[in-house]
Amino acid sequence: MIRFERETVHARFVLPTGAQIEASIEIRVNPITGRTSRIAFSRTGEPEAATDSFPDPPPFAGDTTHCPFCSINLPAKTPQLLKTYEASGRMIRGTSVLFPNLFPYGAHSAVSLFDDRHFVEIGTASVESYTNSFLNSAEYLRRVRAQDPEAVYMAITQNHLPSAGGSLLHPHLQIQ
């Protein structure tokens, strides 16, 4: 069983106003790597850096003509899973559609669309759309594991929008 270790330390100091305060810091140990991280609770009330505004949408955000992930293009422009993984060729759960990555970076690379919309502004995707996509991805990875016992290292990642390295604007997750 994995044990999660943590230690709380306290820093005491005097603010410029003259008030004496105590700030709690939690040191957590990663049970797998042994590395530590620090959680500074005194910072939780601060706004996250660079989130007061988001980058402008790319100029091509409205152009769905050539997007392989838009529903009108999806059947003709995306590959299908082998029948051993899904009889219909694509796994569907709510708005999530999962299919093989046309440009794979591993034996079981797949893509999971989580929204029907071509462009989704940062922070506006619904919890339900992400939930469906993660559940769809998890089921795919279970099927992969059942078919390929050597597939022990798996990941679900996302590069949302070109500013984060996304190659396609349409919101999607990468599964491996």
C-alpha atoms as a PDB file:
ATOM      1  CA  MET A   1       0.000   0.000   0.000  1.00  0.00           C
ATOM      2  CA  ILE A   2       1.270   3.466  -0.870  1.00  0.00           C
ATOM      3  CA  ARG A   3       1.876   5.759   2.098  1.00  0.00           C
ATOM      4  CA  PHE A   4       1.492   9.482   1.660  1.00  0.00           C
ATOM      5  CA  GLU A   5       3.832  11.435   3.913  1.00  0.00           C
ATOM      6  CA  ARG A   6       3.560  15.084   4.791  1.00  0.00           C
ATOM      7  CA  GLU A   7       5.017  17.436   7.325  1.00  0.00           C
ATOM      8  CA  THR A   8       3.746  20.861   8.288  1.00  0.00           C
ATOM      9  CA  VAL A   9       6.214  23.599   9.158  1.00  0.00           C
ATOM     10  CA  HIS A  10       5.443  27.125  10.286  1.00  0.00           C
ATOM     11  CA  ALA A  11       7.128  30.391   9.397  1.00  0.00           C
ATOM     12  CA  ARG A  12       6.695  33.280  11.831  1.00  0.00           C
ATOM     13  CA  PHE A  13       7.443  36.859  10.877  1.00  0.00           C
ATOM     14  CA  VAL A  14       6.352  40.468  11.195  1.00  0.00           C
ATOM     15  CA  LEU A  15       4.484  42.083   8.310  1.00  0.00           C
ATOM     16  CA  PRO A  16       5.371  45.617   7.157  1.00  0.00           C
ATOM     17  CA  THR A  17       2.239  46.724   9.050  1.00  0.00           C
ATOM     18  CA  GLY A  18       3.799  45.488  12.288  1.00  0.00           C
ATOM     19  CA  ALA A  19       1.466  42.518  12.684  1.00  0.00           C
ATOM     20  CA  GLN A  20       3.108  39.259  13.662  1.00  0.00           C
ATOM     21  CA  ILE A  21       1.841  36.256  11.682  1.00  0.00           C
ATOM     22  CA  GLU A  22       2.439  32.569  11.249  1.00  0.00           C
ATOM     23  CA  ALA A  23       2.248  30.922   7.809  1.00  0.00           C
ATOM     24  CA  SER A  24       1.890  27.165   7.380  1.00  0.00           C
ATOM     25  CA  ILE A  25       3.811  25.274   4.724  1.00  0.00           C
ATOM     26  CA  GLU A  26       3.195  21.612   3.995  1.00  0.00           C
ATOM     27  CA  ILE A  27       6.049  19.449   2.722  1.00  0.00           C
ATOM     28  CA  ARG A  28       4.767  16.415   0.840  1.00  0.00           C
ATOM     29  CA  VAL A  29       6.813  13.387  -0.216  1.00  0.00           C
ATOM     30  CA  ASN A  30       5.999  11.681  -3.509  1.00  0.00           C
ATOM     31  CA  PRO A  31       5.635   8.011  -2.532  1.00  0.00           C
ATOM     32  CA  ILE A  32       6.997   6.812  -5.870  1.00  0.00           C
ATOM     33  CA  THR A  33       9.943   9.121  -6.550  1.00  0.00           C
ATOM     34  CA  GLY A  34      10.746  10.244  -3.020  1.00  0.00           C
ATOM     35  CA  ARG A  35      10.904  13.851  -4.209  1.00  0.00           C
ATOM     36  CA  THR A  36       9.367  16.564  -2.091  1.00  0.00           C
ATOM     37  CA  SER A  37       7.106  19.459  -2.938  1.00  0.00           C
ATOM     38  CA  ARG A  38       5.962  22.384  -0.854  1.00  0.00           C
ATOM     39  CA  ILE A  39       2.445  23.727  -0.566  1.00  0.00           C
ATOM     40  CA  ALA A  40       2.389  27.353   0.571  1.00  0.00           C
ATOM     41  CA  PHE A  41      -1.163  27.823   1.844  1.00  0.00           C
ATOM     42  CA  SER A  42      -0.602  31.546   2.319  1.00  0.00           C
ATOM     43  CA  ARG A  43      -0.587  31.889  -1.487  1.00  0.00           C
ATOM     44  CA  THR A  44      -3.978  30.254  -2.072  1.00  0.00           C
ATOM     45  CA  GLY A  45      -5.820  33.576  -1.953  1.00  0.00           C
ATOM     46  CA  GLU A  46      -3.672  35.135  -4.664  1.00  0.00           C
ATOM     47  CA  PRO A  47      -4.800  35.125  -8.286  1.00  0.00           C
ATOM     48  CA  GLU A  48      -2.794  32.746 -10.444  1.00  0.00           C
ATOM     49  CA  ALA A  49      -0.118  34.539 -12.437  1.00  0.00           C
ATOM     50  CA  ALA A  50      -1.091  35.483 -16.007  1.00  0.00           C
ATOM     51  CA  THR A  51      -4.747  34.472 -15.608  1.00  0.00           C
ATOM     52  CA  ASP A  52      -6.205  37.960 -15.503  1.00  0.00           C
ATOM     53  CA  SER A  53      -6.569  37.684 -19.279  1.00  0.00           C
ATOM     54  CA  PHE A  54      -6.134  34.956 -21.839  1.00  0.00           C
ATOM     55  CA  PRO A  55      -4.448  35.152 -25.228  1.00  0.00           C
ATOM     56  CA  ASP A  56      -6.640  36.225 -28.109  1.00  0.00           C
ATOM     57  CA  PRO A  57      -8.116  33.359 -30.123  1.00  0.00           C
ATOM     58  CA  PRO A  58      -6.035  32.450 -33.169  1.00  0.00           C
ATOM     59  CA  PRO A  59      -7.209  34.180 -36.358  1.00  0.00           C
ATOM     60  CA  PHE A  60      -8.348  30.830 -37.786  1.00  0.00           C
ATOM     61  CA  ALA A  61     -10.495  29.914 -34.754  1.00  0.00           C
ATOM     62  CA  GLY A  62     -13.707  30.125 -36.778  1.00  0.00           C
ATOM     63  CA  ASP A  63     -12.510  28.085 -39.764  1.00  0.00           C
ATOM     64  CA  THR A  64     -13.834  24.539 -39.428  1.00  0.00           C
ATOM     65  CA  THR A  65     -13.540  23.692 -43.124  1.00  0.00           C
ATOM     66  CA  HIS A  66     -10.405  21.581 -42.907  1.00  0.00           C
ATOM     67  CA  CYS A  67     -10.535  20.474 -39.266  1.00  0.00           C
ATOM     68  CA  PRO A  68     -10.494  16.657 -39.176  1.00  0.00           C
ATOM     69  CA  PHE A  69     -12.040  16.712 -35.683  1.00  0.00           C
ATOM     70  CA  CYS A  70     -15.185  18.691 -36.550  1.00  0.00           C
ATOM     71  CA  SER A  71     -18.150  16.327 -36.752  1.00  0.00           C
ATOM     72  CA  ILE A  72     -18.811  16.921 -40.453  1.00  0.00           C
ATOM     73  CA  ASN A  73     -15.232  15.879 -41.343  1.00  0.00           C
ATOM     74  CA  LEU A  74     -14.652  13.246 -38.657  1.00  0.00           C
ATOM     75  CA  PRO A  75     -15.796  10.094 -40.524  1.00  0.00           C
ATOM     76  CA  ALA A  76     -13.723  10.841 -43.626  1.00  0.00           C
ATOM     77  CA  LYS A  77     -10.599  12.313 -42.028  1.00  0.00           C
ATOM     78  CA  THR A  78      -9.909  10.234 -38.921  1.00  0.00           C
ATOM     79  CA  PRO A  79      -8.822   6.599 -38.594  1.00  0.00           C
ATOM     80  CA  GLN A  80     -10.734   3.864 -36.800  1.00  0.00           C
ATOM     81  CA  LEU A  81      -9.778   1.537 -33.983  1.00  0.00           C
ATOM     82  CA  LEU A  82      -9.198  -2.122 -34.707  1.00  0.00           C
ATOM     83  CA  LYS A  83     -12.340  -4.189 -34.140  1.00  0.00           C
ATOM     84  CA  THR A  84     -10.625  -5.902 -31.177  1.00  0.00           C
ATOM     85  CA  TYR A  85     -10.837  -2.544 -29.367  1.00  0.00           C
ATOM     86  CA  GLU A  86     -14.199  -1.265 -30.603  1.00  0.00           C
ATOM     87  CA  ALA A  87     -16.566  -2.883 -33.101  1.00  0.00           C
ATOM     88  CA  SER A  88     -17.833   0.472 -34.406  1.00  0.00           C
ATOM     89  CA  GLY A  89     -14.286   1.803 -34.963  1.00  0.00           C
ATOM     90  CA  ARG A  90     -14.656   4.783 -32.619  1.00  0.00           C
ATOM     91  CA  MET A  91     -15.500   4.865 -28.927  1.00  0.00           C
ATOM     92  CA  ILE A  92     -18.251   7.358 -28.102  1.00  0.00           C
ATOM     93  CA  ARG A  93     -19.375   8.606 -24.705  1.00  0.00           C
ATOM     94  CA  GLY A  94     -21.461  11.793 -24.597  1.00  0.00           C
ATOM     95  CA  THR A  95     -19.595  14.370 -26.683  1.00  0.00           C
ATOM     96  CA  SER A  96     -16.354  12.387 -26.458  1.00  0.00           C
ATOM     97  CA  VAL A  97     -15.215  10.502 -29.542  1.00  0.00           C
ATOM     98  CA  LEU A  98     -12.041   8.398 -29.286  1.00  0.00           C
ATOM     99  CA  PHE A  99     -10.072   7.069 -32.256  1.00  0.00           C
ATOM    100  CA  PRO A 100      -6.440   6.246 -33.156  1.00  0.00           C
ATOM    101  CA  ASN A 101      -3.971   9.082 -33.552  1.00  0.00           C
ATOM    102  CA  LEU A 102      -3.235   9.440 -37.272  1.00  0.00           C
ATOM    103  CA  PHE A 103       0.315  10.443 -36.317  1.00  0.00           C
ATOM    104  CA  PRO A 104       1.030   7.972 -33.493  1.00  0.00           C
ATOM    105  CA  TYR A 105       3.852   8.393 -31.024  1.00  0.00           C
ATOM    106  CA  GLY A 106       3.383   4.939 -29.503  1.00  0.00           C
ATOM    107  CA  ALA A 107       1.800   1.551 -30.147  1.00  0.00           C
ATOM    108  CA  HIS A 108      -1.603   2.588 -28.789  1.00  0.00           C
ATOM    109  CA  SER A 109      -1.758   6.334 -29.456  1.00  0.00           C
ATOM    110  CA  ALA A 110      -5.292   7.674 -29.580  1.00  0.00           C
ATOM    111  CA  VAL A 111      -7.154  10.964 -29.546  1.00  0.00           C
ATOM    112  CA  SER A 112     -10.228  11.725 -27.463  1.00  0.00           C
ATOM    113  CA  LEU A 113     -12.324  14.700 -28.522  1.00  0.00           C
ATOM    114  CA  PHE A 114     -14.080  16.224 -25.542  1.00  0.00           C
ATOM    115  CA  ASP A 115     -16.215  18.908 -27.154  1.00  0.00           C
ATOM    116  CA  ASP A 116     -18.220  19.265 -30.353  1.00  0.00           C
ATOM    117  CA  ARG A 117     -17.164  22.891 -30.664  1.00  0.00           C
ATOM    118  CA  HIS A 118     -14.182  23.646 -32.912  1.00  0.00           C
ATOM    119  CA  PHE A 119     -12.801  26.328 -30.603  1.00  0.00           C
ATOM    120  CA  VAL A 120     -13.173  26.217 -26.819  1.00  0.00           C
ATOM    121  CA  GLU A 121     -11.750  29.138 -24.884  1.00  0.00           C
ATOM    122  CA  ILE A 122      -9.474  28.223 -21.975  1.00  0.00           C
ATOM    123  CA  GLY A 123     -11.522  27.445 -18.901  1.00  0.00           C
ATOM    124  CA  THR A 124     -14.889  27.183 -20.669  1.00  0.00           C
ATOM    125  CA  ALA A 125     -15.122  23.445 -21.378  1.00  0.00           C
ATOM    126  CA  SER A 126     -17.784  21.776 -19.277  1.00  0.00           C
ATOM    127  CA  VAL A 127     -16.973  19.377 -16.469  1.00  0.00           C
ATOM    128  CA  GLU A 128     -19.288  16.876 -18.160  1.00  0.00           C
ATOM    129  CA  SER A 129     -17.352  16.996 -21.450  1.00  0.00           C
ATOM    130  CA  TYR A 130     -14.042  16.392 -19.667  1.00  0.00           C
ATOM    131  CA  THR A 131     -15.599  13.654 -17.529  1.00  0.00           C
ATOM    132  CA  ASN A 132     -16.911  11.843 -20.606  1.00  0.00           C
ATOM    133  CA  SER A 133     -13.555  12.167 -22.338  1.00  0.00           C
ATOM    134  CA  PHE A 134     -11.595  10.882 -19.336  1.00  0.00           C
ATOM    135  CA  LEU A 135     -14.000   7.960 -18.834  1.00  0.00           C
ATOM    136  CA  ASN A 136     -13.803   7.154 -22.548  1.00  0.00           C
ATOM    137  CA  SER A 137      -9.998   7.309 -22.386  1.00  0.00           C
ATOM    138  CA  ALA A 138      -9.866   5.140 -19.268  1.00  0.00           C
ATOM    139  CA  GLU A 139     -12.043   2.499 -20.923  1.00  0.00           C
ATOM    140  CA  TYR A 140      -9.793   2.538 -23.992  1.00  0.00           C
ATOM    141  CA  LEU A 141      -6.713   2.069 -21.808  1.00  0.00           C
ATOM    142  CA  ARG A 142      -8.422  -0.845 -20.015  1.00  0.00           C
ATOM    143  CA  ARG A 143      -9.041  -2.459 -23.402  1.00  0.00           C
ATOM    144  CA  VAL A 144      -5.447  -1.820 -24.452  1.00  0.00           C
ATOM    145  CA  ARG A 145      -4.194  -3.430 -21.252  1.00  0.00           C
ATOM    146  CA  ALA A 146      -6.438  -6.465 -21.813  1.00  0.00           C
ATOM    147  CA  GLN A 147      -5.056  -6.896 -25.349  1.00  0.00           C
ATOM    148  CA  ASP A 148      -1.430  -5.991 -24.644  1.00  0.00           C
ATOM    149  CA  PRO A 149      -0.067  -7.019 -21.225  1.00  0.00           C
ATOM    150  CA  GLU A 150       3.187  -5.177 -21.984  1.00  0.00           C
ATOM    151  CA  ALA A 151       1.324  -1.850 -22.118  1.00  0.00           C
ATOM    152  CA  VAL A 152       1.964  -0.876 -18.517  1.00  0.00           C
ATOM    153  CA  TYR A 153       2.870   2.811 -18.854  1.00  0.00           C
ATOM    154  CA  MET A 154      -0.095   4.894 -19.956  1.00  0.00           C
ATOM    155  CA  ALA A 155      -0.842   8.595 -20.084  1.00  0.00           C
ATOM    156  CA  ILE A 156      -3.633  11.023 -20.877  1.00  0.00           C
ATOM    157  CA  THR A 157      -2.345  14.476 -21.824  1.00  0.00           C
ATOM    158  CA  GLN A 158      -3.535  17.699 -23.401  1.00  0.00           C
ATOM    159  CA  ASN A 159      -1.923  20.599 -25.229  1.00  0.00           C
ATOM    160  CA  HIS A 160      -4.850  23.012 -25.480  1.00  0.00           C
ATOM    161  CA  LEU A 161      -4.461  25.624 -28.208  1.00  0.00           C
ATOM    162  CA  PRO A 162      -1.339  26.473 -30.240  1.00  0.00           C
ATOM    163  CA  SER A 163       0.094  28.551 -27.384  1.00  0.00           C
ATOM    164  CA  ALA A 164       0.475  25.271 -25.431  1.00  0.00           C
ATOM    165  CA  GLY A 165       1.815  23.268 -28.360  1.00  0.00           C
ATOM    166  CA  GLY A 166      -1.514  21.988 -29.670  1.00  0.00           C
ATOM    167  CA  SER A 167      -1.216  21.040 -33.335  1.00  0.00           C
ATOM    168  CA  LEU A 168      -4.975  21.285 -33.924  1.00  0.00           C
ATOM    169  CA  LEU A 169      -7.292  23.907 -32.497  1.00  0.00           C
ATOM    170  CA  HIS A 170     -10.216  21.538 -31.894  1.00  0.00           C
ATOM    171  CA  PRO A 171     -10.104  20.488 -28.207  1.00  0.00           C
ATOM    172  CA  HIS A 172      -8.818  16.975 -27.622  1.00  0.00           C
ATOM    173  CA  LEU A 173      -6.792  14.766 -25.316  1.00  0.00           C
ATOM    174  CA  GLN A 174      -3.902  12.519 -26.340  1.00  0.00           C
ATOM    175  CA  ILE A 175      -3.949   8.988 -24.997  1.00  0.00           C
ATOM    176  CA  GLN A 176      -1.011   6.604 -24.838  1.00  0.00           C
END
